[in-house]
Amino acid sequence: MLIQLEETERSFDTFWARHEKRLTQCLQLRRFEESFR
């Protein structure tokens, strides 16, 4: 159970590192659009 949790956490870290920049840009774009409505 604990080993599985660590593996999930590690793969999530890898996923996050790969997608963080894109997700951050999407978030900033949405805030930008919201502020101009």
PDB file of N, CA and C in Angstrom:
ATOM      1  N   MET A   1       0.837  -1.205   0.000  1.00  0.00           N
ATOM      2  CA  MET A   1       0.000   0.000   0.000  1.00  0.00           C
ATOM      3  C   MET A   1       0.875   1.260   0.000  1.00  0.00           C
ATOM      4  N   LEU A   2       1.807   1.295   0.925  1.00  0.00           N
ATOM      5  CA  LEU A   2       2.677   2.470   1.040  1.00  0.00           C
ATOM      6  C   LEU A   2       3.574   2.623  -0.187  1.00  0.00           C
ATOM      7  N   ILE A   3       4.066   1.483  -0.687  1.00  0.00           N
ATOM      8  CA  ILE A   3       4.906   1.509  -1.888  1.00  0.00           C
ATOM      9  C   ILE A   3       4.106   2.032  -3.078  1.00  0.00           C
ATOM     10  N   GLN A   4       2.859   1.585  -3.174  1.00  0.00           N
ATOM     11  CA  GLN A   4       1.992   2.026  -4.270  1.00  0.00           C
ATOM     12  C   GLN A   4       1.768   3.536  -4.181  1.00  0.00           C
ATOM     13  N   LEU A   5       1.581   4.026  -2.966  1.00  0.00           N
ATOM     14  CA  LEU A   5       1.358   5.451  -2.745  1.00  0.00           C
ATOM     15  C   LEU A   5       2.579   6.257  -3.180  1.00  0.00           C
ATOM     16  N   GLU A   6       3.756   5.765  -2.830  1.00  0.00           N
ATOM     17  CA  GLU A   6       4.988   6.456  -3.218  1.00  0.00           C
ATOM     18  C   GLU A   6       5.165   6.479  -4.728  1.00  0.00           C
ATOM     19  N   GLU A   7       4.838   5.378  -5.383  1.00  0.00           N
ATOM     20  CA  GLU A   7       4.943   5.328  -6.847  1.00  0.00           C
ATOM     21  C   GLU A   7       3.967   6.295  -7.497  1.00  0.00           C
ATOM     22  N   THR A   8       2.756   6.351  -6.964  1.00  0.00           N
ATOM     23  CA  THR A   8       1.753   7.278  -7.488  1.00  0.00           C
ATOM     24  C   THR A   8       2.233   8.716  -7.320  1.00  0.00           C
ATOM     25  N   GLU A   9       2.791   8.999  -6.153  1.00  0.00           N
ATOM     26  CA  GLU A   9       3.283  10.341  -5.874  1.00  0.00           C
ATOM     27  C   GLU A   9       4.422  10.706  -6.815  1.00  0.00           C
ATOM     28  N   ARG A  10       5.305   9.752  -7.070  1.00  0.00           N
ATOM     29  CA  ARG A  10       6.446   9.997  -7.945  1.00  0.00           C
ATOM     30  C   ARG A  10       5.996  10.242  -9.381  1.00  0.00           C
ATOM     31  N   SER A  11       5.044   9.442  -9.837  1.00  0.00           N
ATOM     32  CA  SER A  11       4.563   9.623 -11.209  1.00  0.00           C
ATOM     33  C   SER A  11       3.786  10.929 -11.335  1.00  0.00           C
ATOM     34  N   PHE A  12       3.094  11.319 -10.259  1.00  0.00           N
ATOM     35  CA  PHE A  12       2.397  12.601 -10.285  1.00  0.00           C
ATOM     36  C   PHE A  12       3.394  13.750 -10.340  1.00  0.00           C
ATOM     37  N   ASP A  13       4.501  13.639  -9.580  1.00  0.00           N
ATOM     38  CA  ASP A  13       5.546  14.662  -9.627  1.00  0.00           C
ATOM     39  C   ASP A  13       6.107  14.809 -11.035  1.00  0.00           C
ATOM     40  N   THR A  14       6.320  13.682 -11.697  1.00  0.00           N
ATOM     41  CA  THR A  14       6.824  13.699 -13.071  1.00  0.00           C
ATOM     42  C   THR A  14       5.816  14.366 -13.993  1.00  0.00           C
ATOM     43  N   PHE A  15       4.551  13.968 -13.844  1.00  0.00           N
ATOM     44  CA  PHE A  15       3.474  14.553 -14.640  1.00  0.00           C
ATOM     45  C   PHE A  15       3.407  16.059 -14.409  1.00  0.00           C
ATOM     46  N   TRP A  16       3.463  16.462 -13.128  1.00  0.00           N
ATOM     47  CA  TRP A  16       3.341  17.876 -12.796  1.00  0.00           C
ATOM     48  C   TRP A  16       4.496  18.678 -13.371  1.00  0.00           C
ATOM     49  N   ALA A  17       5.716  18.131 -13.236  1.00  0.00           N
ATOM     50  CA  ALA A  17       6.891  18.830 -13.763  1.00  0.00           C
ATOM     51  C   ALA A  17       6.754  19.046 -15.266  1.00  0.00           C
ATOM     52  N   ARG A  18       6.183  18.056 -15.941  1.00  0.00           N
ATOM     53  CA  ARG A  18       6.038  18.134 -17.390  1.00  0.00           C
ATOM     54  C   ARG A  18       4.962  19.139 -17.798  1.00  0.00           C
ATOM     55  N   HIS A  19       3.914  19.253 -16.998  1.00  0.00           N
ATOM     56  CA  HIS A  19       2.747  20.037 -17.422  1.00  0.00           C
ATOM     57  C   HIS A  19       2.566  21.347 -16.662  1.00  0.00           C
ATOM     58  N   GLU A  20       3.412  21.586 -15.666  1.00  0.00           N
ATOM     59  CA  GLU A  20       3.229  22.760 -14.814  1.00  0.00           C
ATOM     60  C   GLU A  20       3.208  24.053 -15.616  1.00  0.00           C
ATOM     61  N   LYS A  21       4.144  24.188 -16.545  1.00  0.00           N
ATOM     62  CA  LYS A  21       4.244  25.421 -17.314  1.00  0.00           C
ATOM     63  C   LYS A  21       2.977  25.671 -18.124  1.00  0.00           C
ATOM     64  N   ARG A  22       2.489  24.624 -18.803  1.00  0.00           N
ATOM     65  CA  ARG A  22       1.279  24.764 -19.614  1.00  0.00           C
ATOM     66  C   ARG A  22       0.064  25.069 -18.746  1.00  0.00           C
ATOM     67  N   LEU A  23      -0.045  24.373 -17.603  1.00  0.00           N
ATOM     68  CA  LEU A  23      -1.185  24.591 -16.719  1.00  0.00           C
ATOM     69  C   LEU A  23      -1.166  26.004 -16.151  1.00  0.00           C
ATOM     70  N   THR A  24       0.019  26.475 -15.793  1.00  0.00           N
ATOM     71  CA  THR A  24       0.150  27.826 -15.260  1.00  0.00           C
ATOM     72  C   THR A  24      -0.255  28.856 -16.302  1.00  0.00           C
ATOM     73  N   GLN A  25       0.167  28.637 -17.545  1.00  0.00           N
ATOM     74  CA  GLN A  25      -0.192  29.564 -18.618  1.00  0.00           C
ATOM     75  C   GLN A  25      -1.695  29.579 -18.851  1.00  0.00           C
ATOM     76  N   CYS A  26      -2.329  28.402 -18.814  1.00  0.00           N
ATOM     77  CA  CYS A  26      -3.781  28.326 -18.988  1.00  0.00           C
ATOM     78  C   CYS A  26      -4.490  29.085 -17.880  1.00  0.00           C
ATOM     79  N   LEU A  27      -4.001  28.923 -16.667  1.00  0.00           N
ATOM     80  CA  LEU A  27      -4.598  29.587 -15.517  1.00  0.00           C
ATOM     81  C   LEU A  27      -4.470  31.102 -15.641  1.00  0.00           C
ATOM     82  N   GLN A  28      -3.288  31.559 -16.029  1.00  0.00           N
ATOM     83  CA  GLN A  28      -3.072  32.991 -16.192  1.00  0.00           C
ATOM     84  C   GLN A  28      -3.947  33.559 -17.297  1.00  0.00           C
ATOM     85  N   LEU A  29      -4.092  32.810 -18.379  1.00  0.00           N
ATOM     86  CA  LEU A  29      -4.926  33.246 -19.492  1.00  0.00           C
ATOM     87  C   LEU A  29      -6.374  33.382 -19.053  1.00  0.00           C
ATOM     88  N   ARG A  30      -6.856  32.408 -18.272  1.00  0.00           N
ATOM     89  CA  ARG A  30      -8.239  32.471 -17.792  1.00  0.00           C
ATOM     90  C   ARG A  30      -8.450  33.667 -16.878  1.00  0.00           C
ATOM     91  N   ARG A  31      -7.515  33.935 -15.991  1.00  0.00           N
ATOM     92  CA  ARG A  31      -7.638  35.099 -15.110  1.00  0.00           C
ATOM     93  C   ARG A  31      -7.626  36.385 -15.916  1.00  0.00           C
ATOM     94  N   PHE A  32      -6.782  36.416 -16.934  1.00  0.00           N
ATOM     95  CA  PHE A  32      -6.685  37.571 -17.816  1.00  0.00           C
ATOM     96  C   PHE A  32      -8.024  37.819 -18.504  1.00  0.00           C
ATOM     97  N   GLU A  33      -8.624  36.741 -19.042  1.00  0.00           N
ATOM     98  CA  GLU A  33      -9.917  36.868 -19.711  1.00  0.00           C
ATOM     99  C   GLU A  33     -11.000  37.311 -18.734  1.00  0.00           C
ATOM    100  N   GLU A  34     -10.992  36.752 -17.536  1.00  0.00           N
ATOM    101  CA  GLU A  34     -12.001  37.107 -16.532  1.00  0.00           C
ATOM    102  C   GLU A  34     -11.937  38.593 -16.187  1.00  0.00           C
ATOM    103  N   SER A  35     -10.726  39.127 -16.088  1.00  0.00           N
ATOM    104  CA  SER A  35     -10.579  40.516 -15.660  1.00  0.00           C
ATOM    105  C   SER A  35     -11.012  41.500 -16.741  1.00  0.00           C
ATOM    106  N   PHE A  36     -11.166  41.043 -17.972  1.00  0.00           N
ATOM    107  CA  PHE A  36     -11.575  41.933 -19.061  1.00  0.00           C
ATOM    108  C   PHE A  36     -13.030  41.753 -19.471  1.00  0.00           C
ATOM    109  N   ARG A  37     -13.799  41.045 -18.632  1.00  0.00           N
ATOM    110  CA  ARG A  37     -15.193  40.845 -18.973  1.00  0.00           C
ATOM    111  C   ARG A  37     -16.047  41.991 -18.468  1.00  0.00           C
TER     112      ARG A  37
END
